[in-house]
Amino acid sequence: MKSQTAFSVTASACATIASSRKLLAAAVLGASLFAVAPVPAQAQQAAKIGFVSTERILRDSKPAQQAQAKIESEFKKRDDELQALANRLRTEAQKFDKDAPVLSESERIKRQRQLTDMDSDLQRKRREFQEDFNRRRNEEFTAIIERADAAIKSIAEQQGYDIILQDAVTVSPRVDITEQVLKALGG
């Protein structure tokens, strides 16, 4: 498809979806690491911590790939129409450039106005397309995040994790459980 920028999952989209989780995870981690209440000797063991890459879930999971394909097919017709309109505008602009020296002043102004109107229409349709596409992608990815959260909670309960973080600056592969979550999501 020609509009690759419209169909790419960006890191900023993942960051937007996960930004509230960062604050919650930091607060929970801070509270658990700096608790001031005395802990009984039996409970004094290292906390089991895991990490899940939200970006990888939204890029590599089977549901994310299916959602991406579904969205692309839903928007393909509109994308093709935008490409056709852009090609028509380009053709008309080239024709105008070629004909401009022999056109009368009134005809030249009329065709310039037509080209400006076509360009404005194209820009408006592109903005609407991008807004609709982003809204639809966010709907699909929100559902995937909810499924991933359920899978993460299940893994945490089954394997006894005290905390699972979803965003971090650096992560040891030893605590990265993203592959387990991907498998739980079917891919």
N, C-alpha and C. Protein backbone atom coordinates (compact mmCIF):
# COMPACT_ATOMS: atom_id res chain seq x y z
N MET A 1 0.85 -1.18 0.00
CA MET A 1 0.00 0.00 0.00
C MET A 1 0.89 1.23 0.00
N LYS A 2 0.45 2.27 -0.59
CA LYS A 2 1.30 3.44 -0.79
C LYS A 2 1.42 4.32 0.43
N SER A 3 0.42 4.40 1.26
CA SER A 3 0.47 5.27 2.44
C SER A 3 1.03 4.51 3.63
N GLN A 4 2.30 4.23 3.60
CA GLN A 4 2.92 3.45 4.65
C GLN A 4 2.88 4.15 5.99
N THR A 5 2.97 5.47 6.00
CA THR A 5 2.95 6.18 7.27
C THR A 5 1.61 6.03 7.96
N ALA A 6 0.55 5.89 7.21
CA ALA A 6 -0.76 5.75 7.82
C ALA A 6 -0.91 4.42 8.52
N PHE A 7 -0.19 3.37 8.06
CA PHE A 7 -0.40 2.05 8.58
C PHE A 7 0.71 1.56 9.48
N SER A 8 1.63 2.39 9.90
CA SER A 8 2.70 1.93 10.77
C SER A 8 2.34 2.20 12.22
N VAL A 9 2.70 1.24 13.06
CA VAL A 9 2.52 1.41 14.49
C VAL A 9 3.77 2.10 15.00
N THR A 10 3.62 3.27 15.54
CA THR A 10 4.78 4.02 15.99
C THR A 10 5.04 3.80 17.46
N ALA A 11 6.25 4.07 17.85
CA ALA A 11 6.61 3.98 19.25
C ALA A 11 5.83 5.00 20.06
N SER A 12 5.53 6.15 19.46
CA SER A 12 4.78 7.16 20.21
C SER A 12 3.35 6.70 20.47
N ALA A 13 2.75 5.92 19.55
CA ALA A 13 1.41 5.39 19.80
C ALA A 13 1.45 4.42 20.97
N CYS A 14 2.49 3.59 21.02
CA CYS A 14 2.63 2.66 22.13
C CYS A 14 2.85 3.42 23.43
N ALA A 15 3.65 4.47 23.38
CA ALA A 15 3.92 5.26 24.57
C ALA A 15 2.66 5.93 25.08
N THR A 16 1.82 6.40 24.15
CA THR A 16 0.56 7.04 24.55
C THR A 16 -0.34 6.05 25.27
N ILE A 17 -0.44 4.85 24.73
CA ILE A 17 -1.29 3.83 25.32
C ILE A 17 -0.78 3.43 26.69
N ALA A 18 0.54 3.38 26.86
CA ALA A 18 1.12 2.86 28.09
C ALA A 18 1.55 3.92 29.09
N SER A 19 1.35 5.20 28.80
CA SER A 19 1.88 6.25 29.67
C SER A 19 1.31 6.19 31.08
N SER A 20 0.03 5.91 31.23
CA SER A 20 -0.54 5.85 32.57
C SER A 20 0.00 4.65 33.34
N ARG A 21 0.37 3.59 32.63
CA ARG A 21 0.93 2.42 33.28
C ARG A 21 2.30 2.71 33.87
N LYS A 22 3.06 3.57 33.21
CA LYS A 22 4.38 3.92 33.72
C LYS A 22 4.27 4.53 35.11
N LEU A 23 3.36 5.47 35.25
CA LEU A 23 3.20 6.14 36.54
C LEU A 23 2.75 5.15 37.61
N LEU A 24 1.79 4.31 37.28
CA LEU A 24 1.30 3.33 38.25
C LEU A 24 2.39 2.35 38.62
N ALA A 25 3.12 1.85 37.61
CA ALA A 25 4.18 0.89 37.89
C ALA A 25 5.28 1.52 38.74
N ALA A 26 5.63 2.76 38.46
CA ALA A 26 6.66 3.45 39.24
C ALA A 26 6.20 3.63 40.68
N ALA A 27 4.94 3.99 40.87
CA ALA A 27 4.41 4.18 42.21
C ALA A 27 4.40 2.86 42.98
N VAL A 28 3.96 1.79 42.32
CA VAL A 28 3.91 0.48 42.98
C VAL A 28 5.31 0.00 43.30
N LEU A 29 6.22 0.14 42.34
CA LEU A 29 7.60 -0.30 42.57
C LEU A 29 8.23 0.50 43.68
N GLY A 30 8.03 1.81 43.66
CA GLY A 30 8.58 2.67 44.71
C GLY A 30 8.04 2.29 46.07
N ALA A 31 6.75 2.06 46.14
CA ALA A 31 6.12 1.70 47.41
C ALA A 31 6.63 0.35 47.90
N SER A 32 6.81 -0.59 46.96
CA SER A 32 7.26 -1.92 47.40
C SER A 32 8.73 -1.93 47.79
N LEU A 33 9.54 -1.11 47.16
CA LEU A 33 10.96 -1.11 47.48
C LEU A 33 11.30 -0.31 48.73
N PHE A 34 10.47 0.68 49.05
CA PHE A 34 10.78 1.55 50.16
C PHE A 34 9.76 1.46 51.30
N ALA A 35 9.16 0.31 51.46
CA ALA A 35 8.19 0.13 52.54
C ALA A 35 8.93 0.25 53.88
N VAL A 36 8.32 0.95 54.83
CA VAL A 36 8.98 1.16 56.12
C VAL A 36 8.48 0.21 57.20
N ALA A 37 7.41 -0.49 56.94
CA ALA A 37 6.89 -1.42 57.95
C ALA A 37 7.83 -2.61 58.07
N PRO A 38 8.05 -3.09 59.29
CA PRO A 38 8.91 -4.27 59.45
C PRO A 38 8.27 -5.49 58.78
N VAL A 39 9.11 -6.33 58.19
CA VAL A 39 8.64 -7.51 57.48
C VAL A 39 9.09 -8.74 58.25
N PRO A 40 8.18 -9.69 58.46
CA PRO A 40 8.57 -10.92 59.16
C PRO A 40 9.70 -11.63 58.41
N ALA A 41 10.49 -12.39 59.13
CA ALA A 41 11.66 -13.05 58.55
C ALA A 41 11.28 -13.98 57.40
N GLN A 42 10.12 -14.68 57.52
CA GLN A 42 9.74 -15.61 56.45
C GLN A 42 9.39 -14.87 55.16
N ALA A 43 8.90 -13.65 55.27
CA ALA A 43 8.46 -12.90 54.09
C ALA A 43 9.60 -12.11 53.46
N GLN A 44 10.80 -12.13 54.10
CA GLN A 44 11.91 -11.34 53.57
C GLN A 44 12.63 -12.12 52.47
N GLN A 45 12.03 -12.11 51.28
CA GLN A 45 12.66 -12.71 50.12
C GLN A 45 12.58 -11.72 48.97
N ALA A 46 13.40 -11.93 48.00
CA ALA A 46 13.44 -11.01 46.86
C ALA A 46 12.10 -11.02 46.12
N ALA A 47 11.69 -9.85 45.72
CA ALA A 47 10.46 -9.74 44.95
C ALA A 47 10.70 -10.31 43.56
N LYS A 48 9.72 -11.01 43.03
CA LYS A 48 9.82 -11.57 41.68
C LYS A 48 9.26 -10.53 40.72
N ILE A 49 10.12 -10.03 39.85
CA ILE A 49 9.76 -8.95 38.93
C ILE A 49 9.84 -9.45 37.50
N GLY A 50 8.86 -9.03 36.71
CA GLY A 50 8.85 -9.37 35.28
C GLY A 50 8.68 -8.12 34.45
N PHE A 51 8.92 -8.25 33.17
CA PHE A 51 8.79 -7.12 32.24
C PHE A 51 8.10 -7.60 30.97
N VAL A 52 7.22 -6.74 30.43
CA VAL A 52 6.55 -7.02 29.16
C VAL A 52 6.70 -5.79 28.27
N SER A 53 7.10 -6.00 27.04
CA SER A 53 7.25 -4.92 26.07
C SER A 53 5.92 -4.68 25.36
N THR A 54 5.27 -3.58 25.71
CA THR A 54 3.99 -3.23 25.08
C THR A 54 4.19 -3.02 23.58
N GLU A 55 5.29 -2.41 23.21
CA GLU A 55 5.57 -2.16 21.80
C GLU A 55 5.62 -3.48 21.02
N ARG A 56 6.30 -4.48 21.56
CA ARG A 56 6.37 -5.78 20.88
C ARG A 56 5.01 -6.44 20.81
N ILE A 57 4.21 -6.31 21.85
CA ILE A 57 2.86 -6.89 21.85
C ILE A 57 2.05 -6.26 20.72
N LEU A 58 2.12 -4.94 20.58
CA LEU A 58 1.34 -4.24 19.56
C LEU A 58 1.93 -4.40 18.15
N ARG A 59 3.14 -4.90 18.06
CA ARG A 59 3.76 -5.08 16.76
C ARG A 59 3.78 -6.55 16.34
N ASP A 60 4.10 -7.45 17.28
CA ASP A 60 4.39 -8.84 16.92
C ASP A 60 3.30 -9.85 17.26
N SER A 61 2.37 -9.49 18.10
CA SER A 61 1.36 -10.48 18.48
C SER A 61 0.44 -10.78 17.31
N LYS A 62 -0.07 -11.99 17.31
CA LYS A 62 -0.99 -12.40 16.24
C LYS A 62 -2.23 -11.51 16.20
N PRO A 63 -2.86 -11.20 17.35
CA PRO A 63 -4.03 -10.29 17.29
C PRO A 63 -3.68 -8.91 16.73
N ALA A 64 -2.49 -8.40 17.03
CA ALA A 64 -2.09 -7.09 16.52
C ALA A 64 -1.89 -7.14 15.01
N GLN A 65 -1.28 -8.19 14.53
CA GLN A 65 -1.07 -8.33 13.09
C GLN A 65 -2.41 -8.50 12.36
N GLN A 66 -3.33 -9.26 12.96
CA GLN A 66 -4.65 -9.42 12.36
C GLN A 66 -5.41 -8.09 12.36
N ALA A 67 -5.31 -7.34 13.45
CA ALA A 67 -5.97 -6.03 13.52
C ALA A 67 -5.40 -5.09 12.48
N GLN A 68 -4.08 -5.12 12.32
CA GLN A 68 -3.43 -4.25 11.34
C GLN A 68 -3.93 -4.58 9.93
N ALA A 69 -4.00 -5.87 9.60
CA ALA A 69 -4.48 -6.27 8.28
C ALA A 69 -5.95 -5.88 8.09
N LYS A 70 -6.74 -6.04 9.13
CA LYS A 70 -8.16 -5.68 9.07
C LYS A 70 -8.33 -4.18 8.82
N ILE A 71 -7.58 -3.38 9.55
CA ILE A 71 -7.66 -1.92 9.40
C ILE A 71 -7.20 -1.51 8.00
N GLU A 72 -6.11 -2.10 7.54
CA GLU A 72 -5.62 -1.78 6.20
C GLU A 72 -6.67 -2.09 5.14
N SER A 73 -7.34 -3.23 5.27
CA SER A 73 -8.37 -3.58 4.28
C SER A 73 -9.56 -2.62 4.38
N GLU A 74 -9.92 -2.20 5.59
CA GLU A 74 -11.03 -1.26 5.76
C GLU A 74 -10.72 0.09 5.12
N PHE A 75 -9.47 0.51 5.15
CA PHE A 75 -9.09 1.83 4.68
C PHE A 75 -8.47 1.83 3.29
N LYS A 76 -8.33 0.66 2.68
CA LYS A 76 -7.68 0.56 1.37
C LYS A 76 -8.41 1.39 0.32
N LYS A 77 -9.72 1.30 0.26
CA LYS A 77 -10.48 2.03 -0.76
C LYS A 77 -10.24 3.54 -0.64
N ARG A 78 -10.33 4.05 0.59
CA ARG A 78 -10.10 5.48 0.80
C ARG A 78 -8.67 5.88 0.46
N ASP A 79 -7.72 5.02 0.79
CA ASP A 79 -6.33 5.30 0.47
C ASP A 79 -6.13 5.35 -1.04
N ASP A 80 -6.74 4.41 -1.75
CA ASP A 80 -6.65 4.41 -3.21
C ASP A 80 -7.28 5.67 -3.81
N GLU A 81 -8.40 6.11 -3.24
CA GLU A 81 -9.04 7.33 -3.71
C GLU A 81 -8.14 8.55 -3.50
N LEU A 82 -7.48 8.59 -2.35
CA LEU A 82 -6.55 9.69 -2.08
C LEU A 82 -5.38 9.67 -3.07
N GLN A 83 -4.87 8.48 -3.37
CA GLN A 83 -3.77 8.37 -4.33
C GLN A 83 -4.22 8.84 -5.71
N ALA A 84 -5.44 8.46 -6.10
CA ALA A 84 -5.96 8.88 -7.40
C ALA A 84 -6.14 10.40 -7.45
N LEU A 85 -6.65 10.97 -6.38
CA LEU A 85 -6.83 12.42 -6.32
C LEU A 85 -5.48 13.14 -6.38
N ALA A 86 -4.48 12.62 -5.69
CA ALA A 86 -3.14 13.21 -5.71
C ALA A 86 -2.54 13.12 -7.12
N ASN A 87 -2.74 11.99 -7.78
CA ASN A 87 -2.24 11.84 -9.15
C ASN A 87 -2.94 12.80 -10.11
N ARG A 88 -4.25 12.95 -9.92
CA ARG A 88 -5.01 13.87 -10.77
C ARG A 88 -4.53 15.32 -10.57
N LEU A 89 -4.30 15.68 -9.31
CA LEU A 89 -3.79 17.02 -9.02
C LEU A 89 -2.42 17.24 -9.67
N ARG A 90 -1.55 16.25 -9.55
CA ARG A 90 -0.22 16.34 -10.13
C ARG A 90 -0.31 16.50 -11.66
N THR A 91 -1.18 15.70 -12.29
CA THR A 91 -1.36 15.78 -13.74
C THR A 91 -1.89 17.16 -14.16
N GLU A 92 -2.88 17.65 -13.42
CA GLU A 92 -3.45 18.97 -13.73
C GLU A 92 -2.41 20.08 -13.54
N ALA A 93 -1.59 19.96 -12.52
CA ALA A 93 -0.55 20.97 -12.27
C ALA A 93 0.48 20.96 -13.39
N GLN A 94 0.87 19.77 -13.85
CA GLN A 94 1.81 19.67 -14.96
C GLN A 94 1.21 20.25 -16.24
N LYS A 95 -0.05 19.96 -16.47
CA LYS A 95 -0.74 20.48 -17.65
C LYS A 95 -0.82 22.01 -17.58
N PHE A 96 -1.09 22.52 -16.39
CA PHE A 96 -1.16 23.98 -16.22
C PHE A 96 0.20 24.62 -16.50
N ASP A 97 1.26 24.02 -15.94
CA ASP A 97 2.61 24.55 -16.17
C ASP A 97 2.95 24.59 -17.67
N LYS A 98 2.51 23.56 -18.38
CA LYS A 98 2.78 23.48 -19.81
C LYS A 98 1.96 24.52 -20.58
N ASP A 99 0.69 24.70 -20.19
CA ASP A 99 -0.22 25.58 -20.91
C ASP A 99 -0.15 27.05 -20.47
N ALA A 100 0.42 27.31 -19.33
CA ALA A 100 0.39 28.66 -18.75
C ALA A 100 0.86 29.78 -19.69
N PRO A 101 1.93 29.58 -20.44
CA PRO A 101 2.38 30.69 -21.30
C PRO A 101 1.38 31.11 -22.38
N VAL A 102 0.51 30.22 -22.80
CA VAL A 102 -0.42 30.55 -23.88
C VAL A 102 -1.83 30.85 -23.39
N LEU A 103 -2.06 30.74 -22.09
CA LEU A 103 -3.40 30.99 -21.54
C LEU A 103 -3.64 32.49 -21.36
N SER A 104 -4.89 32.85 -21.48
CA SER A 104 -5.25 34.24 -21.17
C SER A 104 -5.16 34.44 -19.67
N GLU A 105 -5.09 35.69 -19.26
CA GLU A 105 -4.96 36.00 -17.83
C GLU A 105 -6.13 35.43 -17.05
N SER A 106 -7.34 35.58 -17.53
CA SER A 106 -8.52 35.09 -16.81
C SER A 106 -8.53 33.56 -16.74
N GLU A 107 -8.13 32.89 -17.82
CA GLU A 107 -8.08 31.42 -17.83
C GLU A 107 -6.99 30.93 -16.88
N ARG A 108 -5.85 31.60 -16.85
CA ARG A 108 -4.75 31.22 -15.95
C ARG A 108 -5.20 31.35 -14.49
N ILE A 109 -5.87 32.44 -14.15
CA ILE A 109 -6.36 32.65 -12.77
C ILE A 109 -7.40 31.59 -12.42
N LYS A 110 -8.28 31.29 -13.36
CA LYS A 110 -9.32 30.29 -13.13
C LYS A 110 -8.69 28.91 -12.85
N ARG A 111 -7.70 28.52 -13.64
CA ARG A 111 -7.07 27.20 -13.46
C ARG A 111 -6.21 27.17 -12.20
N GLN A 112 -5.59 28.28 -11.84
CA GLN A 112 -4.84 28.33 -10.58
C GLN A 112 -5.79 28.13 -9.41
N ARG A 113 -6.93 28.77 -9.47
CA ARG A 113 -7.94 28.64 -8.42
C ARG A 113 -8.43 27.18 -8.32
N GLN A 114 -8.63 26.55 -9.47
CA GLN A 114 -9.05 25.15 -9.48
C GLN A 114 -7.98 24.25 -8.84
N LEU A 115 -6.73 24.50 -9.19
CA LEU A 115 -5.64 23.72 -8.60
C LEU A 115 -5.56 23.93 -7.09
N THR A 116 -5.73 25.16 -6.66
CA THR A 116 -5.71 25.47 -5.22
C THR A 116 -6.85 24.76 -4.51
N ASP A 117 -8.04 24.77 -5.12
CA ASP A 117 -9.20 24.08 -4.53
C ASP A 117 -8.97 22.57 -4.46
N MET A 118 -8.40 22.01 -5.54
CA MET A 118 -8.11 20.57 -5.54
C MET A 118 -7.10 20.23 -4.45
N ASP A 119 -6.08 21.06 -4.30
CA ASP A 119 -5.06 20.81 -3.28
C ASP A 119 -5.67 20.91 -1.88
N SER A 120 -6.49 21.90 -1.65
CA SER A 120 -7.14 22.05 -0.34
C SER A 120 -8.03 20.85 -0.04
N ASP A 121 -8.76 20.41 -1.05
CA ASP A 121 -9.63 19.24 -0.89
C ASP A 121 -8.81 17.99 -0.55
N LEU A 122 -7.71 17.83 -1.26
CA LEU A 122 -6.83 16.68 -1.00
C LEU A 122 -6.28 16.72 0.42
N GLN A 123 -5.81 17.86 0.87
CA GLN A 123 -5.26 17.99 2.23
C GLN A 123 -6.32 17.71 3.28
N ARG A 124 -7.53 18.22 3.07
CA ARG A 124 -8.63 17.97 4.01
C ARG A 124 -8.95 16.48 4.08
N LYS A 125 -9.04 15.84 2.92
CA LYS A 125 -9.35 14.41 2.89
C LYS A 125 -8.24 13.58 3.53
N ARG A 126 -6.99 13.99 3.34
CA ARG A 126 -5.88 13.28 3.99
C ARG A 126 -5.96 13.40 5.51
N ARG A 127 -6.27 14.61 6.00
CA ARG A 127 -6.41 14.79 7.46
C ARG A 127 -7.54 13.93 8.00
N GLU A 128 -8.68 13.94 7.33
CA GLU A 128 -9.83 13.14 7.77
C GLU A 128 -9.48 11.66 7.76
N PHE A 129 -8.80 11.23 6.70
CA PHE A 129 -8.37 9.84 6.59
C PHE A 129 -7.48 9.47 7.77
N GLN A 130 -6.49 10.30 8.05
CA GLN A 130 -5.55 10.01 9.14
C GLN A 130 -6.25 9.99 10.49
N GLU A 131 -7.17 10.93 10.72
CA GLU A 131 -7.92 10.95 11.98
C GLU A 131 -8.78 9.69 12.12
N ASP A 132 -9.49 9.32 11.06
CA ASP A 132 -10.33 8.12 11.11
C ASP A 132 -9.48 6.87 11.29
N PHE A 133 -8.35 6.82 10.59
CA PHE A 133 -7.46 5.67 10.71
C PHE A 133 -6.92 5.55 12.13
N ASN A 134 -6.46 6.66 12.70
CA ASN A 134 -5.91 6.63 14.06
C ASN A 134 -6.98 6.23 15.08
N ARG A 135 -8.18 6.75 14.92
CA ARG A 135 -9.27 6.40 15.83
C ARG A 135 -9.56 4.89 15.76
N ARG A 136 -9.62 4.37 14.55
CA ARG A 136 -9.90 2.94 14.37
C ARG A 136 -8.77 2.08 14.91
N ARG A 137 -7.53 2.49 14.66
CA ARG A 137 -6.38 1.75 15.17
C ARG A 137 -6.38 1.74 16.70
N ASN A 138 -6.68 2.89 17.31
CA ASN A 138 -6.73 2.95 18.76
C ASN A 138 -7.82 2.04 19.33
N GLU A 139 -8.95 1.95 18.64
CA GLU A 139 -10.01 1.03 19.09
C GLU A 139 -9.50 -0.41 19.09
N GLU A 140 -8.89 -0.81 18.00
CA GLU A 140 -8.38 -2.18 17.89
C GLU A 140 -7.28 -2.45 18.91
N PHE A 141 -6.33 -1.51 19.04
CA PHE A 141 -5.21 -1.74 19.93
C PHE A 141 -5.61 -1.68 21.39
N THR A 142 -6.64 -0.93 21.72
CA THR A 142 -7.14 -0.92 23.10
C THR A 142 -7.65 -2.30 23.46
N ALA A 143 -8.36 -2.93 22.55
CA ALA A 143 -8.86 -4.30 22.80
C ALA A 143 -7.69 -5.27 22.96
N ILE A 144 -6.65 -5.10 22.18
CA ILE A 144 -5.48 -5.99 22.28
C ILE A 144 -4.78 -5.78 23.62
N ILE A 145 -4.65 -4.53 24.03
CA ILE A 145 -4.02 -4.23 25.33
C ILE A 145 -4.83 -4.86 26.46
N GLU A 146 -6.15 -4.81 26.37
CA GLU A 146 -6.99 -5.43 27.40
C GLU A 146 -6.75 -6.93 27.45
N ARG A 147 -6.67 -7.57 26.28
CA ARG A 147 -6.39 -9.02 26.25
C ARG A 147 -4.99 -9.31 26.80
N ALA A 148 -4.03 -8.46 26.45
CA ALA A 148 -2.66 -8.65 26.94
C ALA A 148 -2.61 -8.48 28.46
N ASP A 149 -3.34 -7.50 28.98
CA ASP A 149 -3.38 -7.29 30.44
C ASP A 149 -3.93 -8.52 31.15
N ALA A 150 -4.98 -9.11 30.58
CA ALA A 150 -5.55 -10.32 31.17
C ALA A 150 -4.53 -11.46 31.14
N ALA A 151 -3.81 -11.60 30.03
CA ALA A 151 -2.79 -12.64 29.93
C ALA A 151 -1.66 -12.39 30.92
N ILE A 152 -1.26 -11.14 31.08
CA ILE A 152 -0.20 -10.79 32.02
C ILE A 152 -0.62 -11.11 33.45
N LYS A 153 -1.84 -10.77 33.80
CA LYS A 153 -2.34 -11.07 35.15
C LYS A 153 -2.37 -12.58 35.40
N SER A 154 -2.78 -13.32 34.40
CA SER A 154 -2.82 -14.78 34.53
C SER A 154 -1.41 -15.34 34.73
N ILE A 155 -0.47 -14.89 33.94
CA ILE A 155 0.92 -15.34 34.06
C ILE A 155 1.48 -14.95 35.44
N ALA A 156 1.18 -13.75 35.88
CA ALA A 156 1.66 -13.28 37.19
C ALA A 156 1.13 -14.16 38.30
N GLU A 157 -0.14 -14.50 38.24
CA GLU A 157 -0.74 -15.35 39.28
C GLU A 157 -0.17 -16.76 39.23
N GLN A 158 -0.05 -17.33 38.02
CA GLN A 158 0.44 -18.70 37.88
C GLN A 158 1.91 -18.85 38.28
N GLN A 159 2.71 -17.84 37.99
CA GLN A 159 4.14 -17.96 38.22
C GLN A 159 4.63 -17.18 39.43
N GLY A 160 3.72 -16.56 40.16
CA GLY A 160 4.06 -15.90 41.41
C GLY A 160 4.85 -14.60 41.29
N TYR A 161 4.56 -13.81 40.28
CA TYR A 161 5.22 -12.51 40.15
C TYR A 161 4.63 -11.52 41.13
N ASP A 162 5.51 -10.73 41.73
CA ASP A 162 5.07 -9.67 42.63
C ASP A 162 4.71 -8.41 41.85
N ILE A 163 5.45 -8.16 40.78
CA ILE A 163 5.21 -6.98 39.96
C ILE A 163 5.69 -7.27 38.54
N ILE A 164 4.90 -6.76 37.57
CA ILE A 164 5.29 -6.86 36.16
C ILE A 164 5.22 -5.45 35.59
N LEU A 165 6.35 -5.00 35.07
CA LEU A 165 6.45 -3.67 34.48
C LEU A 165 6.23 -3.76 32.97
N GLN A 166 5.67 -2.69 32.41
CA GLN A 166 5.44 -2.71 30.97
C GLN A 166 6.30 -1.71 30.22
N ASP A 167 7.00 -0.87 30.88
CA ASP A 167 7.91 0.04 30.22
C ASP A 167 9.11 0.26 31.12
N ALA A 168 10.29 0.23 30.54
CA ALA A 168 11.51 0.45 31.31
C ALA A 168 12.60 0.94 30.38
N VAL A 169 13.58 1.59 30.95
CA VAL A 169 14.70 2.10 30.16
C VAL A 169 15.60 0.95 29.73
N THR A 170 15.88 0.05 30.64
CA THR A 170 16.71 -1.11 30.33
C THR A 170 16.14 -2.32 31.06
N VAL A 171 16.24 -3.47 30.43
CA VAL A 171 15.64 -4.69 30.98
C VAL A 171 16.58 -5.86 30.73
N SER A 172 16.76 -6.65 31.75
CA SER A 172 17.53 -7.88 31.61
C SER A 172 16.63 -8.92 30.94
N PRO A 173 17.16 -9.67 30.00
CA PRO A 173 16.36 -10.72 29.35
C PRO A 173 15.84 -11.75 30.36
N ARG A 174 16.48 -11.82 31.49
CA ARG A 174 16.10 -12.76 32.54
C ARG A 174 14.70 -12.47 33.09
N VAL A 175 14.27 -11.21 33.07
CA VAL A 175 12.95 -10.86 33.61
C VAL A 175 11.92 -10.54 32.52
N ASP A 176 12.34 -10.59 31.26
CA ASP A 176 11.43 -10.27 30.14
C ASP A 176 10.52 -11.47 29.86
N ILE A 177 9.23 -11.28 30.08
CA ILE A 177 8.25 -12.36 29.85
C ILE A 177 7.36 -12.05 28.63
N THR A 178 7.83 -11.18 27.76
CA THR A 178 7.05 -10.80 26.59
C THR A 178 6.71 -12.01 25.72
N GLU A 179 7.65 -12.92 25.54
CA GLU A 179 7.39 -14.11 24.73
C GLU A 179 6.24 -14.93 25.30
N GLN A 180 6.17 -15.05 26.62
CA GLN A 180 5.08 -15.80 27.25
C GLN A 180 3.74 -15.13 26.97
N VAL A 181 3.72 -13.82 27.01
CA VAL A 181 2.48 -13.08 26.74
C VAL A 181 2.09 -13.25 25.27
N LEU A 182 3.08 -13.17 24.37
CA LEU A 182 2.79 -13.38 22.94
C LEU A 182 2.19 -14.76 22.70
N LYS A 183 2.75 -15.77 23.36
CA LYS A 183 2.21 -17.13 23.23
C LYS A 183 0.79 -17.20 23.79
N ALA A 184 0.55 -16.54 24.91
CA ALA A 184 -0.79 -16.55 25.51
C ALA A 184 -1.81 -15.86 24.61
N LEU A 185 -1.35 -14.92 23.79
CA LEU A 185 -2.24 -14.21 22.87
C LEU A 185 -2.40 -14.96 21.55
N GLY A 186 -1.73 -16.08 21.42
CA GLY A 186 -1.91 -16.90 20.23
C GLY A 186 -0.86 -16.68 19.17
N GLY A 187 0.28 -16.22 19.52
CA GLY A 187 1.30 -16.00 18.49
C GLY A 187 2.57 -15.75 19.09
